[in-house]
Every structure is written in C-alpha cells, then in structure tokens.
Amino acid sequence: ITCVLGRNGVGKTSLMRSIVGHHRLTSGSVAFEGKALDRSAAYDRARSGIAFVPQGREIFPLLTVRENLESGFAPLKRADRNIPAHVFELFPVLKQMLGRRGGDLSGGQQQQLAIGRALVMRPKLLVLDEPTEGIQPSIIKDIGRAIRYLRDQAGIAVLLVEQYLDFCRELADEVNIMDRGLIVHTGPAEDLDRADVRKFLTV
C-alpha cells in the first residue's frame, strides 16, 4: 500500500489520472509490470490490471447497485464477467441493496460501491483518490479493513491519495508527499516526522 499525501492543489489527482490514462502526459513516463504505458489508452490500462476509483466516486446514480457493479465488466473476457464473492464479503451492504439505485445510497455506501465496481475488474493495482472524503467514521474503518484485505489476502497493490493523515499512517507501507507537482518525501509510514507534516501538510 502506497499513500500519496499533500495539500490541496499540489497535483495528487493529476498524478493519479495520468497513471490510469485519463490525463495525457506532458513529460515523464508510466510503466506497469515492466511495460511502458505512455501511449496506452485508459481502457487498455484497465485491461492490463489497473482499476481507478476517482474522487467523488462517479457511480451511475440511475443504475441499480447490480448494474453499477456490472459496469466493471467492460475490460474483462466474457468468461470472467461475474462479481467476485469478496466484493460482498468486504461490503455486505451492497448485497443487501443490489436492486436499489446508486443515487439512493448514502455517500459512504456509494464509496463502497465505487470500490466494489473497481474490484469487479480483477485489478492487480487499485488506485484510490481520497476514498475517505466526506465519509462517516464507521465506513472509513470498513474501507480501511477492505484495503488491508486486498493487500494481505488478495495480493492487490493499492495506490492511495489521501488527506486523512492518520488513515495513511495506519495502512500505508510507504508514504510519498507531493508539493507543487513534485514528490518531496518518500519513505515508510512510521518514518514520517512532525517536521515533514508541518512543512508539507499543515495549512
């Protein structure tokens, strides 16, 4: 689990969108499993095993929970087009609400739905952009448990943009801090000291 921290406006979301293919690179490069992805479209990156949960969730409010989950089938071969059992094990509320419209769910439930939809794609790398934003504490804990499961049991790497410092410290194996579009600190979460927090993260 790698966490990217930084104040608002330093480029965290732009970095994530560049990795998943939603923003065109102007410099640098993106590689995944030793393969350059600079010229690969977002769809091809998804097929290679990169799934993205954007800030704001971007679920389909008029589709049911089931239909939202099934929208993750797009990059999969026909034989793989089913909802993995661990989606409902991690987020039981989704199974209870399969027939409900996405727009009827609470913000926290919508975040669980967005993560569940990404997991339907069988990713090797899950990119999460501020998954705790506007979420009640009980669901933040559920999301934290899910992220740990993905790392420890499912073998899925997680790249996480977050404003909630304690959430990152509890989960991350590595923390990167961004400032003005650059990574200015990289290291284990436990090595993040007060000076770095004051310099790069406090308002």
C-alpha atoms as a PDB file:
ATOM      1  CA  ILE A   1       0.000   0.000   0.000  1.00  0.00           C
ATOM      2  CA  THR A   2       1.491   3.300  -1.134  1.00  0.00           C
ATOM      3  CA  CYS A   3      -0.049   6.559   0.045  1.00  0.00           C
ATOM      4  CA  VAL A   4       0.364   9.969  -1.610  1.00  0.00           C
ATOM      5  CA  LEU A   5      -0.176  12.931   0.706  1.00  0.00           C
ATOM      6  CA  GLY A   6      -0.145  16.650   0.068  1.00  0.00           C
ATOM      7  CA  ARG A   7      -2.106  19.862   0.402  1.00  0.00           C
ATOM      8  CA  ASN A   8      -4.942  20.685  -1.982  1.00  0.00           C
ATOM      9  CA  GLY A   9      -3.780  21.708  -5.434  1.00  0.00           C
ATOM     10  CA  VAL A  10      -0.302  20.155  -5.420  1.00  0.00           C
ATOM     11  CA  GLY A  11      -1.098  17.686  -8.214  1.00  0.00           C
ATOM     12  CA  LYS A  12      -2.144  14.456  -6.482  1.00  0.00           C
ATOM     13  CA  THR A  13      -5.279  13.869  -8.538  1.00  0.00           C
ATOM     14  CA  SER A  14      -3.498  14.851 -11.757  1.00  0.00           C
ATOM     15  CA  LEU A  15      -0.831  12.263 -10.952  1.00  0.00           C
ATOM     16  CA  MET A  16      -3.431   9.532 -10.410  1.00  0.00           C
ATOM     17  CA  ARG A  17      -5.301  10.436 -13.595  1.00  0.00           C
ATOM     18  CA  SER A  18      -2.045  10.378 -15.541  1.00  0.00           C
ATOM     19  CA  ILE A  19      -1.262   6.899 -14.221  1.00  0.00           C
ATOM     20  CA  VAL A  20      -4.657   5.480 -15.214  1.00  0.00           C
ATOM     21  CA  GLY A  21      -4.690   7.218 -18.604  1.00  0.00           C
ATOM     22  CA  HIS A  22      -7.285   9.946 -18.053  1.00  0.00           C
ATOM     23  CA  HIS A  23      -4.698  12.729 -18.488  1.00  0.00           C
ATOM     24  CA  ARG A  24      -2.173  12.932 -21.308  1.00  0.00           C
ATOM     25  CA  LEU A  25       1.451  13.061 -20.146  1.00  0.00           C
ATOM     26  CA  THR A  26       3.443  16.182 -20.983  1.00  0.00           C
ATOM     27  CA  SER A  27       6.660  14.727 -19.557  1.00  0.00           C
ATOM     28  CA  GLY A  28       7.870  11.641 -17.729  1.00  0.00           C
ATOM     29  CA  SER A  29       6.559   8.129 -18.281  1.00  0.00           C
ATOM     30  CA  VAL A  30       4.235   5.493 -16.828  1.00  0.00           C
ATOM     31  CA  ALA A  31       5.217   1.826 -16.616  1.00  0.00           C
ATOM     32  CA  PHE A  32       3.370  -1.126 -15.105  1.00  0.00           C
ATOM     33  CA  GLU A  33       4.883  -4.586 -14.643  1.00  0.00           C
ATOM     34  CA  GLY A  34       7.847  -3.521 -16.752  1.00  0.00           C
ATOM     35  CA  LYS A  35       5.720  -2.364 -19.678  1.00  0.00           C
ATOM     36  CA  ALA A  36       5.580   1.270 -20.827  1.00  0.00           C
ATOM     37  CA  LEU A  37       2.024   2.605 -20.847  1.00  0.00           C
ATOM     38  CA  ASP A  38       2.681   6.136 -22.094  1.00  0.00           C
ATOM     39  CA  ARG A  39       0.720   5.582 -25.318  1.00  0.00           C
ATOM     40  CA  SER A  40      -1.889   3.227 -23.880  1.00  0.00           C
ATOM     41  CA  ALA A  41      -5.482   4.422 -23.596  1.00  0.00           C
ATOM     42  CA  ALA A  42      -7.296   4.232 -20.255  1.00  0.00           C
ATOM     43  CA  TYR A  43      -9.246   1.184 -21.479  1.00  0.00           C
ATOM     44  CA  ASP A  44      -6.033  -0.686 -22.289  1.00  0.00           C
ATOM     45  CA  ARG A  45      -4.582   0.198 -18.903  1.00  0.00           C
ATOM     46  CA  ALA A  46      -7.715  -1.191 -17.281  1.00  0.00           C
ATOM     47  CA  ARG A  47      -7.301  -4.408 -19.274  1.00  0.00           C
ATOM     48  CA  SER A  48      -3.692  -4.628 -18.070  1.00  0.00           C
ATOM     49  CA  GLY A  49      -4.936  -4.669 -14.448  1.00  0.00           C
ATOM     50  CA  ILE A  50      -5.196  -1.048 -13.281  1.00  0.00           C
ATOM     51  CA  ALA A  51      -8.512  -0.013 -11.701  1.00  0.00           C
ATOM     52  CA  PHE A  52      -9.371   3.520 -10.599  1.00  0.00           C
ATOM     53  CA  VAL A  53     -11.804   4.899  -8.029  1.00  0.00           C
ATOM     54  CA  PRO A  54     -11.914   8.662  -8.646  1.00  0.00           C
ATOM     55  CA  GLN A  55     -12.505  11.399  -6.130  1.00  0.00           C
ATOM     56  CA  GLY A  56     -16.249  11.919  -5.928  1.00  0.00           C
ATOM     57  CA  ARG A  57     -16.907   8.224  -6.703  1.00  0.00           C
ATOM     58  CA  GLU A  58     -18.610   8.806 -10.103  1.00  0.00           C
ATOM     59  CA  ILE A  59     -21.114   5.984  -9.795  1.00  0.00           C
ATOM     60  CA  PHE A  60     -24.168   5.859 -12.072  1.00  0.00           C
ATOM     61  CA  PRO A  61     -26.994   7.243  -9.885  1.00  0.00           C
ATOM     62  CA  LEU A  62     -29.872   5.958 -12.047  1.00  0.00           C
ATOM     63  CA  LEU A  63     -28.500   2.415 -12.378  1.00  0.00           C
ATOM     64  CA  THR A  64     -29.029  -0.215  -9.695  1.00  0.00           C
ATOM     65  CA  VAL A  65     -26.211  -1.354  -7.456  1.00  0.00           C
ATOM     66  CA  ARG A  66     -26.009  -4.568  -9.502  1.00  0.00           C
ATOM     67  CA  GLU A  67     -25.831  -2.631 -12.776  1.00  0.00           C
ATOM     68  CA  ASN A  68     -23.145  -0.336 -11.352  1.00  0.00           C
ATOM     69  CA  LEU A  69     -21.073  -3.355 -10.343  1.00  0.00           C
ATOM     70  CA  GLU A  70     -21.593  -4.993 -13.730  1.00  0.00           C
ATOM     71  CA  SER A  71     -20.326  -1.848 -15.460  1.00  0.00           C
ATOM     72  CA  GLY A  72     -16.912  -3.017 -14.265  1.00  0.00           C
ATOM     73  CA  PHE A  73     -17.169  -5.986 -16.659  1.00  0.00           C
ATOM     74  CA  ALA A  74     -16.157  -3.863 -19.670  1.00  0.00           C
ATOM     75  CA  PRO A  75     -12.424  -4.751 -19.806  1.00  0.00           C
ATOM     76  CA  LEU A  76     -12.979  -8.424 -18.910  1.00  0.00           C
ATOM     77  CA  LYS A  77     -13.240 -11.500 -21.097  1.00  0.00           C
ATOM     78  CA  ARG A  78     -16.768 -12.917 -21.233  1.00  0.00           C
ATOM     79  CA  ALA A  79     -15.820 -15.901 -19.049  1.00  0.00           C
ATOM     80  CA  ASP A  80     -14.695 -13.550 -16.254  1.00  0.00           C
ATOM     81  CA  ARG A  81     -17.845 -11.425 -16.213  1.00  0.00           C
ATOM     82  CA  ASN A  82     -19.126 -12.191 -12.742  1.00  0.00           C
ATOM     83  CA  ILE A  83     -18.993 -10.354  -9.427  1.00  0.00           C
ATOM     84  CA  PRO A  84     -16.257 -11.832  -7.197  1.00  0.00           C
ATOM     85  CA  ALA A  85     -17.514 -13.125  -3.841  1.00  0.00           C
ATOM     86  CA  HIS A  86     -15.057 -10.967  -1.901  1.00  0.00           C
ATOM     87  CA  VAL A  87     -16.847  -7.799  -3.082  1.00  0.00           C
ATOM     88  CA  PHE A  88     -19.860  -8.753  -0.962  1.00  0.00           C
ATOM     89  CA  GLU A  89     -17.691 -10.138   1.832  1.00  0.00           C
ATOM     90  CA  LEU A  90     -15.911  -6.797   2.113  1.00  0.00           C
ATOM     91  CA  PHE A  91     -19.048  -4.689   1.640  1.00  0.00           C
ATOM     92  CA  PRO A  92     -22.124  -6.720   2.736  1.00  0.00           C
ATOM     93  CA  VAL A  93     -24.418  -3.700   2.332  1.00  0.00           C
ATOM     94  CA  LEU A  94     -24.008  -3.948  -1.448  1.00  0.00           C
ATOM     95  CA  LYS A  95     -25.545  -7.422  -1.500  1.00  0.00           C
ATOM     96  CA  GLN A  96     -28.475  -6.156   0.545  1.00  0.00           C
ATOM     97  CA  MET A  97     -29.032  -3.275  -1.891  1.00  0.00           C
ATOM     98  CA  LEU A  98     -28.461  -4.906  -5.280  1.00  0.00           C
ATOM     99  CA  GLY A  99     -31.828  -3.707  -6.584  1.00  0.00           C
ATOM    100  CA  ARG A 100     -31.544  -0.147  -5.232  1.00  0.00           C
ATOM    101  CA  ARG A 101     -30.482   2.744  -7.426  1.00  0.00           C
ATOM    102  CA  GLY A 102     -26.975   4.029  -6.823  1.00  0.00           C
ATOM    103  CA  GLY A 103     -28.238   7.537  -6.235  1.00  0.00           C
ATOM    104  CA  ASP A 104     -30.332   6.321  -3.295  1.00  0.00           C
ATOM    105  CA  LEU A 105     -27.272   5.157  -1.344  1.00  0.00           C
ATOM    106  CA  SER A 106     -25.517   7.259   1.277  1.00  0.00           C
ATOM    107  CA  GLY A 107     -22.138   8.792   0.449  1.00  0.00           C
ATOM    108  CA  GLY A 108     -20.318   6.050   2.325  1.00  0.00           C
ATOM    109  CA  GLN A 109     -22.310   3.317   0.616  1.00  0.00           C
ATOM    110  CA  GLN A 110     -21.604   4.919  -2.763  1.00  0.00           C
ATOM    111  CA  GLN A 111     -17.884   4.826  -1.969  1.00  0.00           C
ATOM    112  CA  GLN A 112     -18.143   1.135  -1.159  1.00  0.00           C
ATOM    113  CA  LEU A 113     -19.989   0.647  -4.444  1.00  0.00           C
ATOM    114  CA  ALA A 114     -17.293   2.507  -6.378  1.00  0.00           C
ATOM    115  CA  ILE A 115     -14.564   0.350  -4.810  1.00  0.00           C
ATOM    116  CA  GLY A 116     -16.628  -2.788  -5.406  1.00  0.00           C
ATOM    117  CA  ARG A 117     -17.046  -1.865  -9.081  1.00  0.00           C
ATOM    118  CA  ALA A 118     -13.282  -1.461  -9.406  1.00  0.00           C
ATOM    119  CA  LEU A 119     -12.717  -4.860  -7.776  1.00  0.00           C
ATOM    120  CA  VAL A 120     -15.060  -6.499 -10.297  1.00  0.00           C
ATOM    121  CA  MET A 121     -12.311  -5.775 -12.856  1.00  0.00           C
ATOM    122  CA  ARG A 122      -9.894  -8.150 -11.039  1.00  0.00           C
ATOM    123  CA  PRO A 123      -7.201  -5.475 -10.754  1.00  0.00           C
ATOM    124  CA  LYS A 124      -3.570  -6.013  -9.917  1.00  0.00           C
ATOM    125  CA  LEU A 125      -3.316  -2.341  -8.920  1.00  0.00           C
ATOM    126  CA  LEU A 126      -6.160  -0.364  -7.334  1.00  0.00           C
ATOM    127  CA  VAL A 127      -5.825   3.423  -7.475  1.00  0.00           C
ATOM    128  CA  LEU A 128      -7.982   5.271  -4.912  1.00  0.00           C
ATOM    129  CA  ASP A 129      -8.349   9.053  -4.943  1.00  0.00           C
ATOM    130  CA  GLU A 130      -9.364  10.283  -1.467  1.00  0.00           C
ATOM    131  CA  PRO A 131     -11.672   7.389  -0.532  1.00  0.00           C
ATOM    132  CA  THR A 132     -12.431   8.814   2.940  1.00  0.00           C
ATOM    133  CA  GLU A 133     -13.573  12.237   1.734  1.00  0.00           C
ATOM    134  CA  GLY A 134     -16.945  13.084   3.292  1.00  0.00           C
ATOM    135  CA  ILE A 135     -17.372   9.572   4.705  1.00  0.00           C
ATOM    136  CA  GLN A 136     -18.662   8.728   8.188  1.00  0.00           C
ATOM    137  CA  PRO A 137     -16.090   7.187  10.601  1.00  0.00           C
ATOM    138  CA  SER A 138     -17.680   3.722  10.697  1.00  0.00           C
ATOM    139  CA  ILE A 139     -17.401   3.330   6.920  1.00  0.00           C
ATOM    140  CA  ILE A 140     -13.851   4.718   6.933  1.00  0.00           C
ATOM    141  CA  LYS A 141     -12.987   1.776   9.193  1.00  0.00           C
ATOM    142  CA  ASP A 142     -14.701  -0.626   6.773  1.00  0.00           C
ATOM    143  CA  ILE A 143     -12.742   0.818   3.856  1.00  0.00           C
ATOM    144  CA  GLY A 144      -9.506   0.513   5.841  1.00  0.00           C
ATOM    145  CA  ARG A 145     -10.219  -3.141   6.585  1.00  0.00           C
ATOM    146  CA  ALA A 146     -11.001  -3.743   2.912  1.00  0.00           C
ATOM    147  CA  ILE A 147      -7.716  -2.167   1.794  1.00  0.00           C
ATOM    148  CA  ARG A 148      -5.759  -4.344   4.238  1.00  0.00           C
ATOM    149  CA  TYR A 149      -7.566  -7.439   2.931  1.00  0.00           C
ATOM    150  CA  LEU A 150      -6.712  -6.532  -0.654  1.00  0.00           C
ATOM    151  CA  ARG A 151      -3.027  -6.292   0.227  1.00  0.00           C
ATOM    152  CA  ASP A 152      -2.758  -9.207   2.630  1.00  0.00           C
ATOM    153  CA  GLN A 153      -5.216 -11.750   1.189  1.00  0.00           C
ATOM    154  CA  ALA A 154      -5.941 -10.802  -2.429  1.00  0.00           C
ATOM    155  CA  GLY A 155      -2.432  -9.748  -3.468  1.00  0.00           C
ATOM    156  CA  ILE A 156      -3.645  -6.434  -4.907  1.00  0.00           C
ATOM    157  CA  ALA A 157      -1.354  -3.398  -4.757  1.00  0.00           C
ATOM    158  CA  VAL A 158      -3.059  -0.183  -3.639  1.00  0.00           C
ATOM    159  CA  LEU A 159      -2.063   3.366  -4.562  1.00  0.00           C
ATOM    160  CA  LEU A 160      -3.933   5.756  -2.326  1.00  0.00           C
ATOM    161  CA  VAL A 161      -4.310   9.542  -2.394  1.00  0.00           C
ATOM    162  CA  GLU A 162      -5.454  10.766   0.984  1.00  0.00           C
ATOM    163  CA  GLN A 163      -5.844  13.898   3.090  1.00  0.00           C
ATOM    164  CA  TYR A 164      -6.534  11.953   6.293  1.00  0.00           C
ATOM    165  CA  LEU A 165      -3.047  11.538   7.726  1.00  0.00           C
ATOM    166  CA  ASP A 166      -3.931   9.014  10.441  1.00  0.00           C
ATOM    167  CA  PHE A 167      -5.673   6.779   7.888  1.00  0.00           C
ATOM    168  CA  CYS A 168      -2.474   6.707   5.821  1.00  0.00           C
ATOM    169  CA  ARG A 169      -0.257   6.067   8.809  1.00  0.00           C
ATOM    170  CA  GLU A 170      -2.366   3.086   9.848  1.00  0.00           C
ATOM    171  CA  LEU A 171      -2.457   1.493   6.387  1.00  0.00           C
ATOM    172  CA  ALA A 172       0.476   2.501   4.248  1.00  0.00           C
ATOM    173  CA  ASP A 173       3.711   0.606   3.752  1.00  0.00           C
ATOM    174  CA  GLU A 174       5.168   3.650   2.007  1.00  0.00           C
ATOM    175  CA  VAL A 175       4.255   7.340   2.106  1.00  0.00           C
ATOM    176  CA  ASN A 176       5.002   9.875  -0.602  1.00  0.00           C
ATOM    177  CA  ILE A 177       4.449  13.601  -0.056  1.00  0.00           C
ATOM    178  CA  MET A 178       3.759  15.895  -3.012  1.00  0.00           C
ATOM    179  CA  ASP A 179       4.421  19.613  -3.127  1.00  0.00           C
ATOM    180  CA  ARG A 180       3.976  21.777  -6.232  1.00  0.00           C
ATOM    181  CA  GLY A 181       3.826  18.788  -8.539  1.00  0.00           C
ATOM    182  CA  LEU A 182       6.930  17.047  -7.158  1.00  0.00           C
ATOM    183  CA  ILE A 183       7.468  14.152  -4.768  1.00  0.00           C
ATOM    184  CA  VAL A 184       9.429  15.744  -1.925  1.00  0.00           C
ATOM    185  CA  HIS A 185       9.426  12.851   0.560  1.00  0.00           C
ATOM    186  CA  THR A 186       9.367   9.066   0.193  1.00  0.00           C
ATOM    187  CA  GLY A 187       9.696   6.539   2.972  1.00  0.00           C
ATOM    188  CA  PRO A 188       7.990   4.122   5.386  1.00  0.00           C
ATOM    189  CA  ALA A 189       4.886   5.491   7.071  1.00  0.00           C
ATOM    190  CA  GLU A 190       6.473   5.184  10.502  1.00  0.00           C
ATOM    191  CA  ASP A 191       9.332   7.472   9.414  1.00  0.00           C
ATOM    192  CA  LEU A 192       7.037  10.420   8.660  1.00  0.00           C
ATOM    193  CA  ASP A 193       8.083  13.032  11.214  1.00  0.00           C
ATOM    194  CA  ARG A 194       6.454  16.145  12.596  1.00  0.00           C
ATOM    195  CA  ALA A 195       8.747  18.468  10.625  1.00  0.00           C
ATOM    196  CA  ASP A 196       7.573  16.988   7.305  1.00  0.00           C
ATOM    197  CA  VAL A 197       3.942  17.172   8.428  1.00  0.00           C
ATOM    198  CA  ARG A 198       4.287  20.839   9.410  1.00  0.00           C
ATOM    199  CA  LYS A 199       6.218  21.773   6.271  1.00  0.00           C
ATOM    200  CA  PHE A 200       4.154  19.999   3.626  1.00  0.00           C
ATOM    201  CA  LEU A 201       0.764  19.013   5.072  1.00  0.00           C
ATOM    202  CA  THR A 202      -0.480  21.640   7.513  1.00  0.00           C
ATOM    203  CA  VAL A 203      -2.387  24.648   6.235  1.00  0.00           C
END
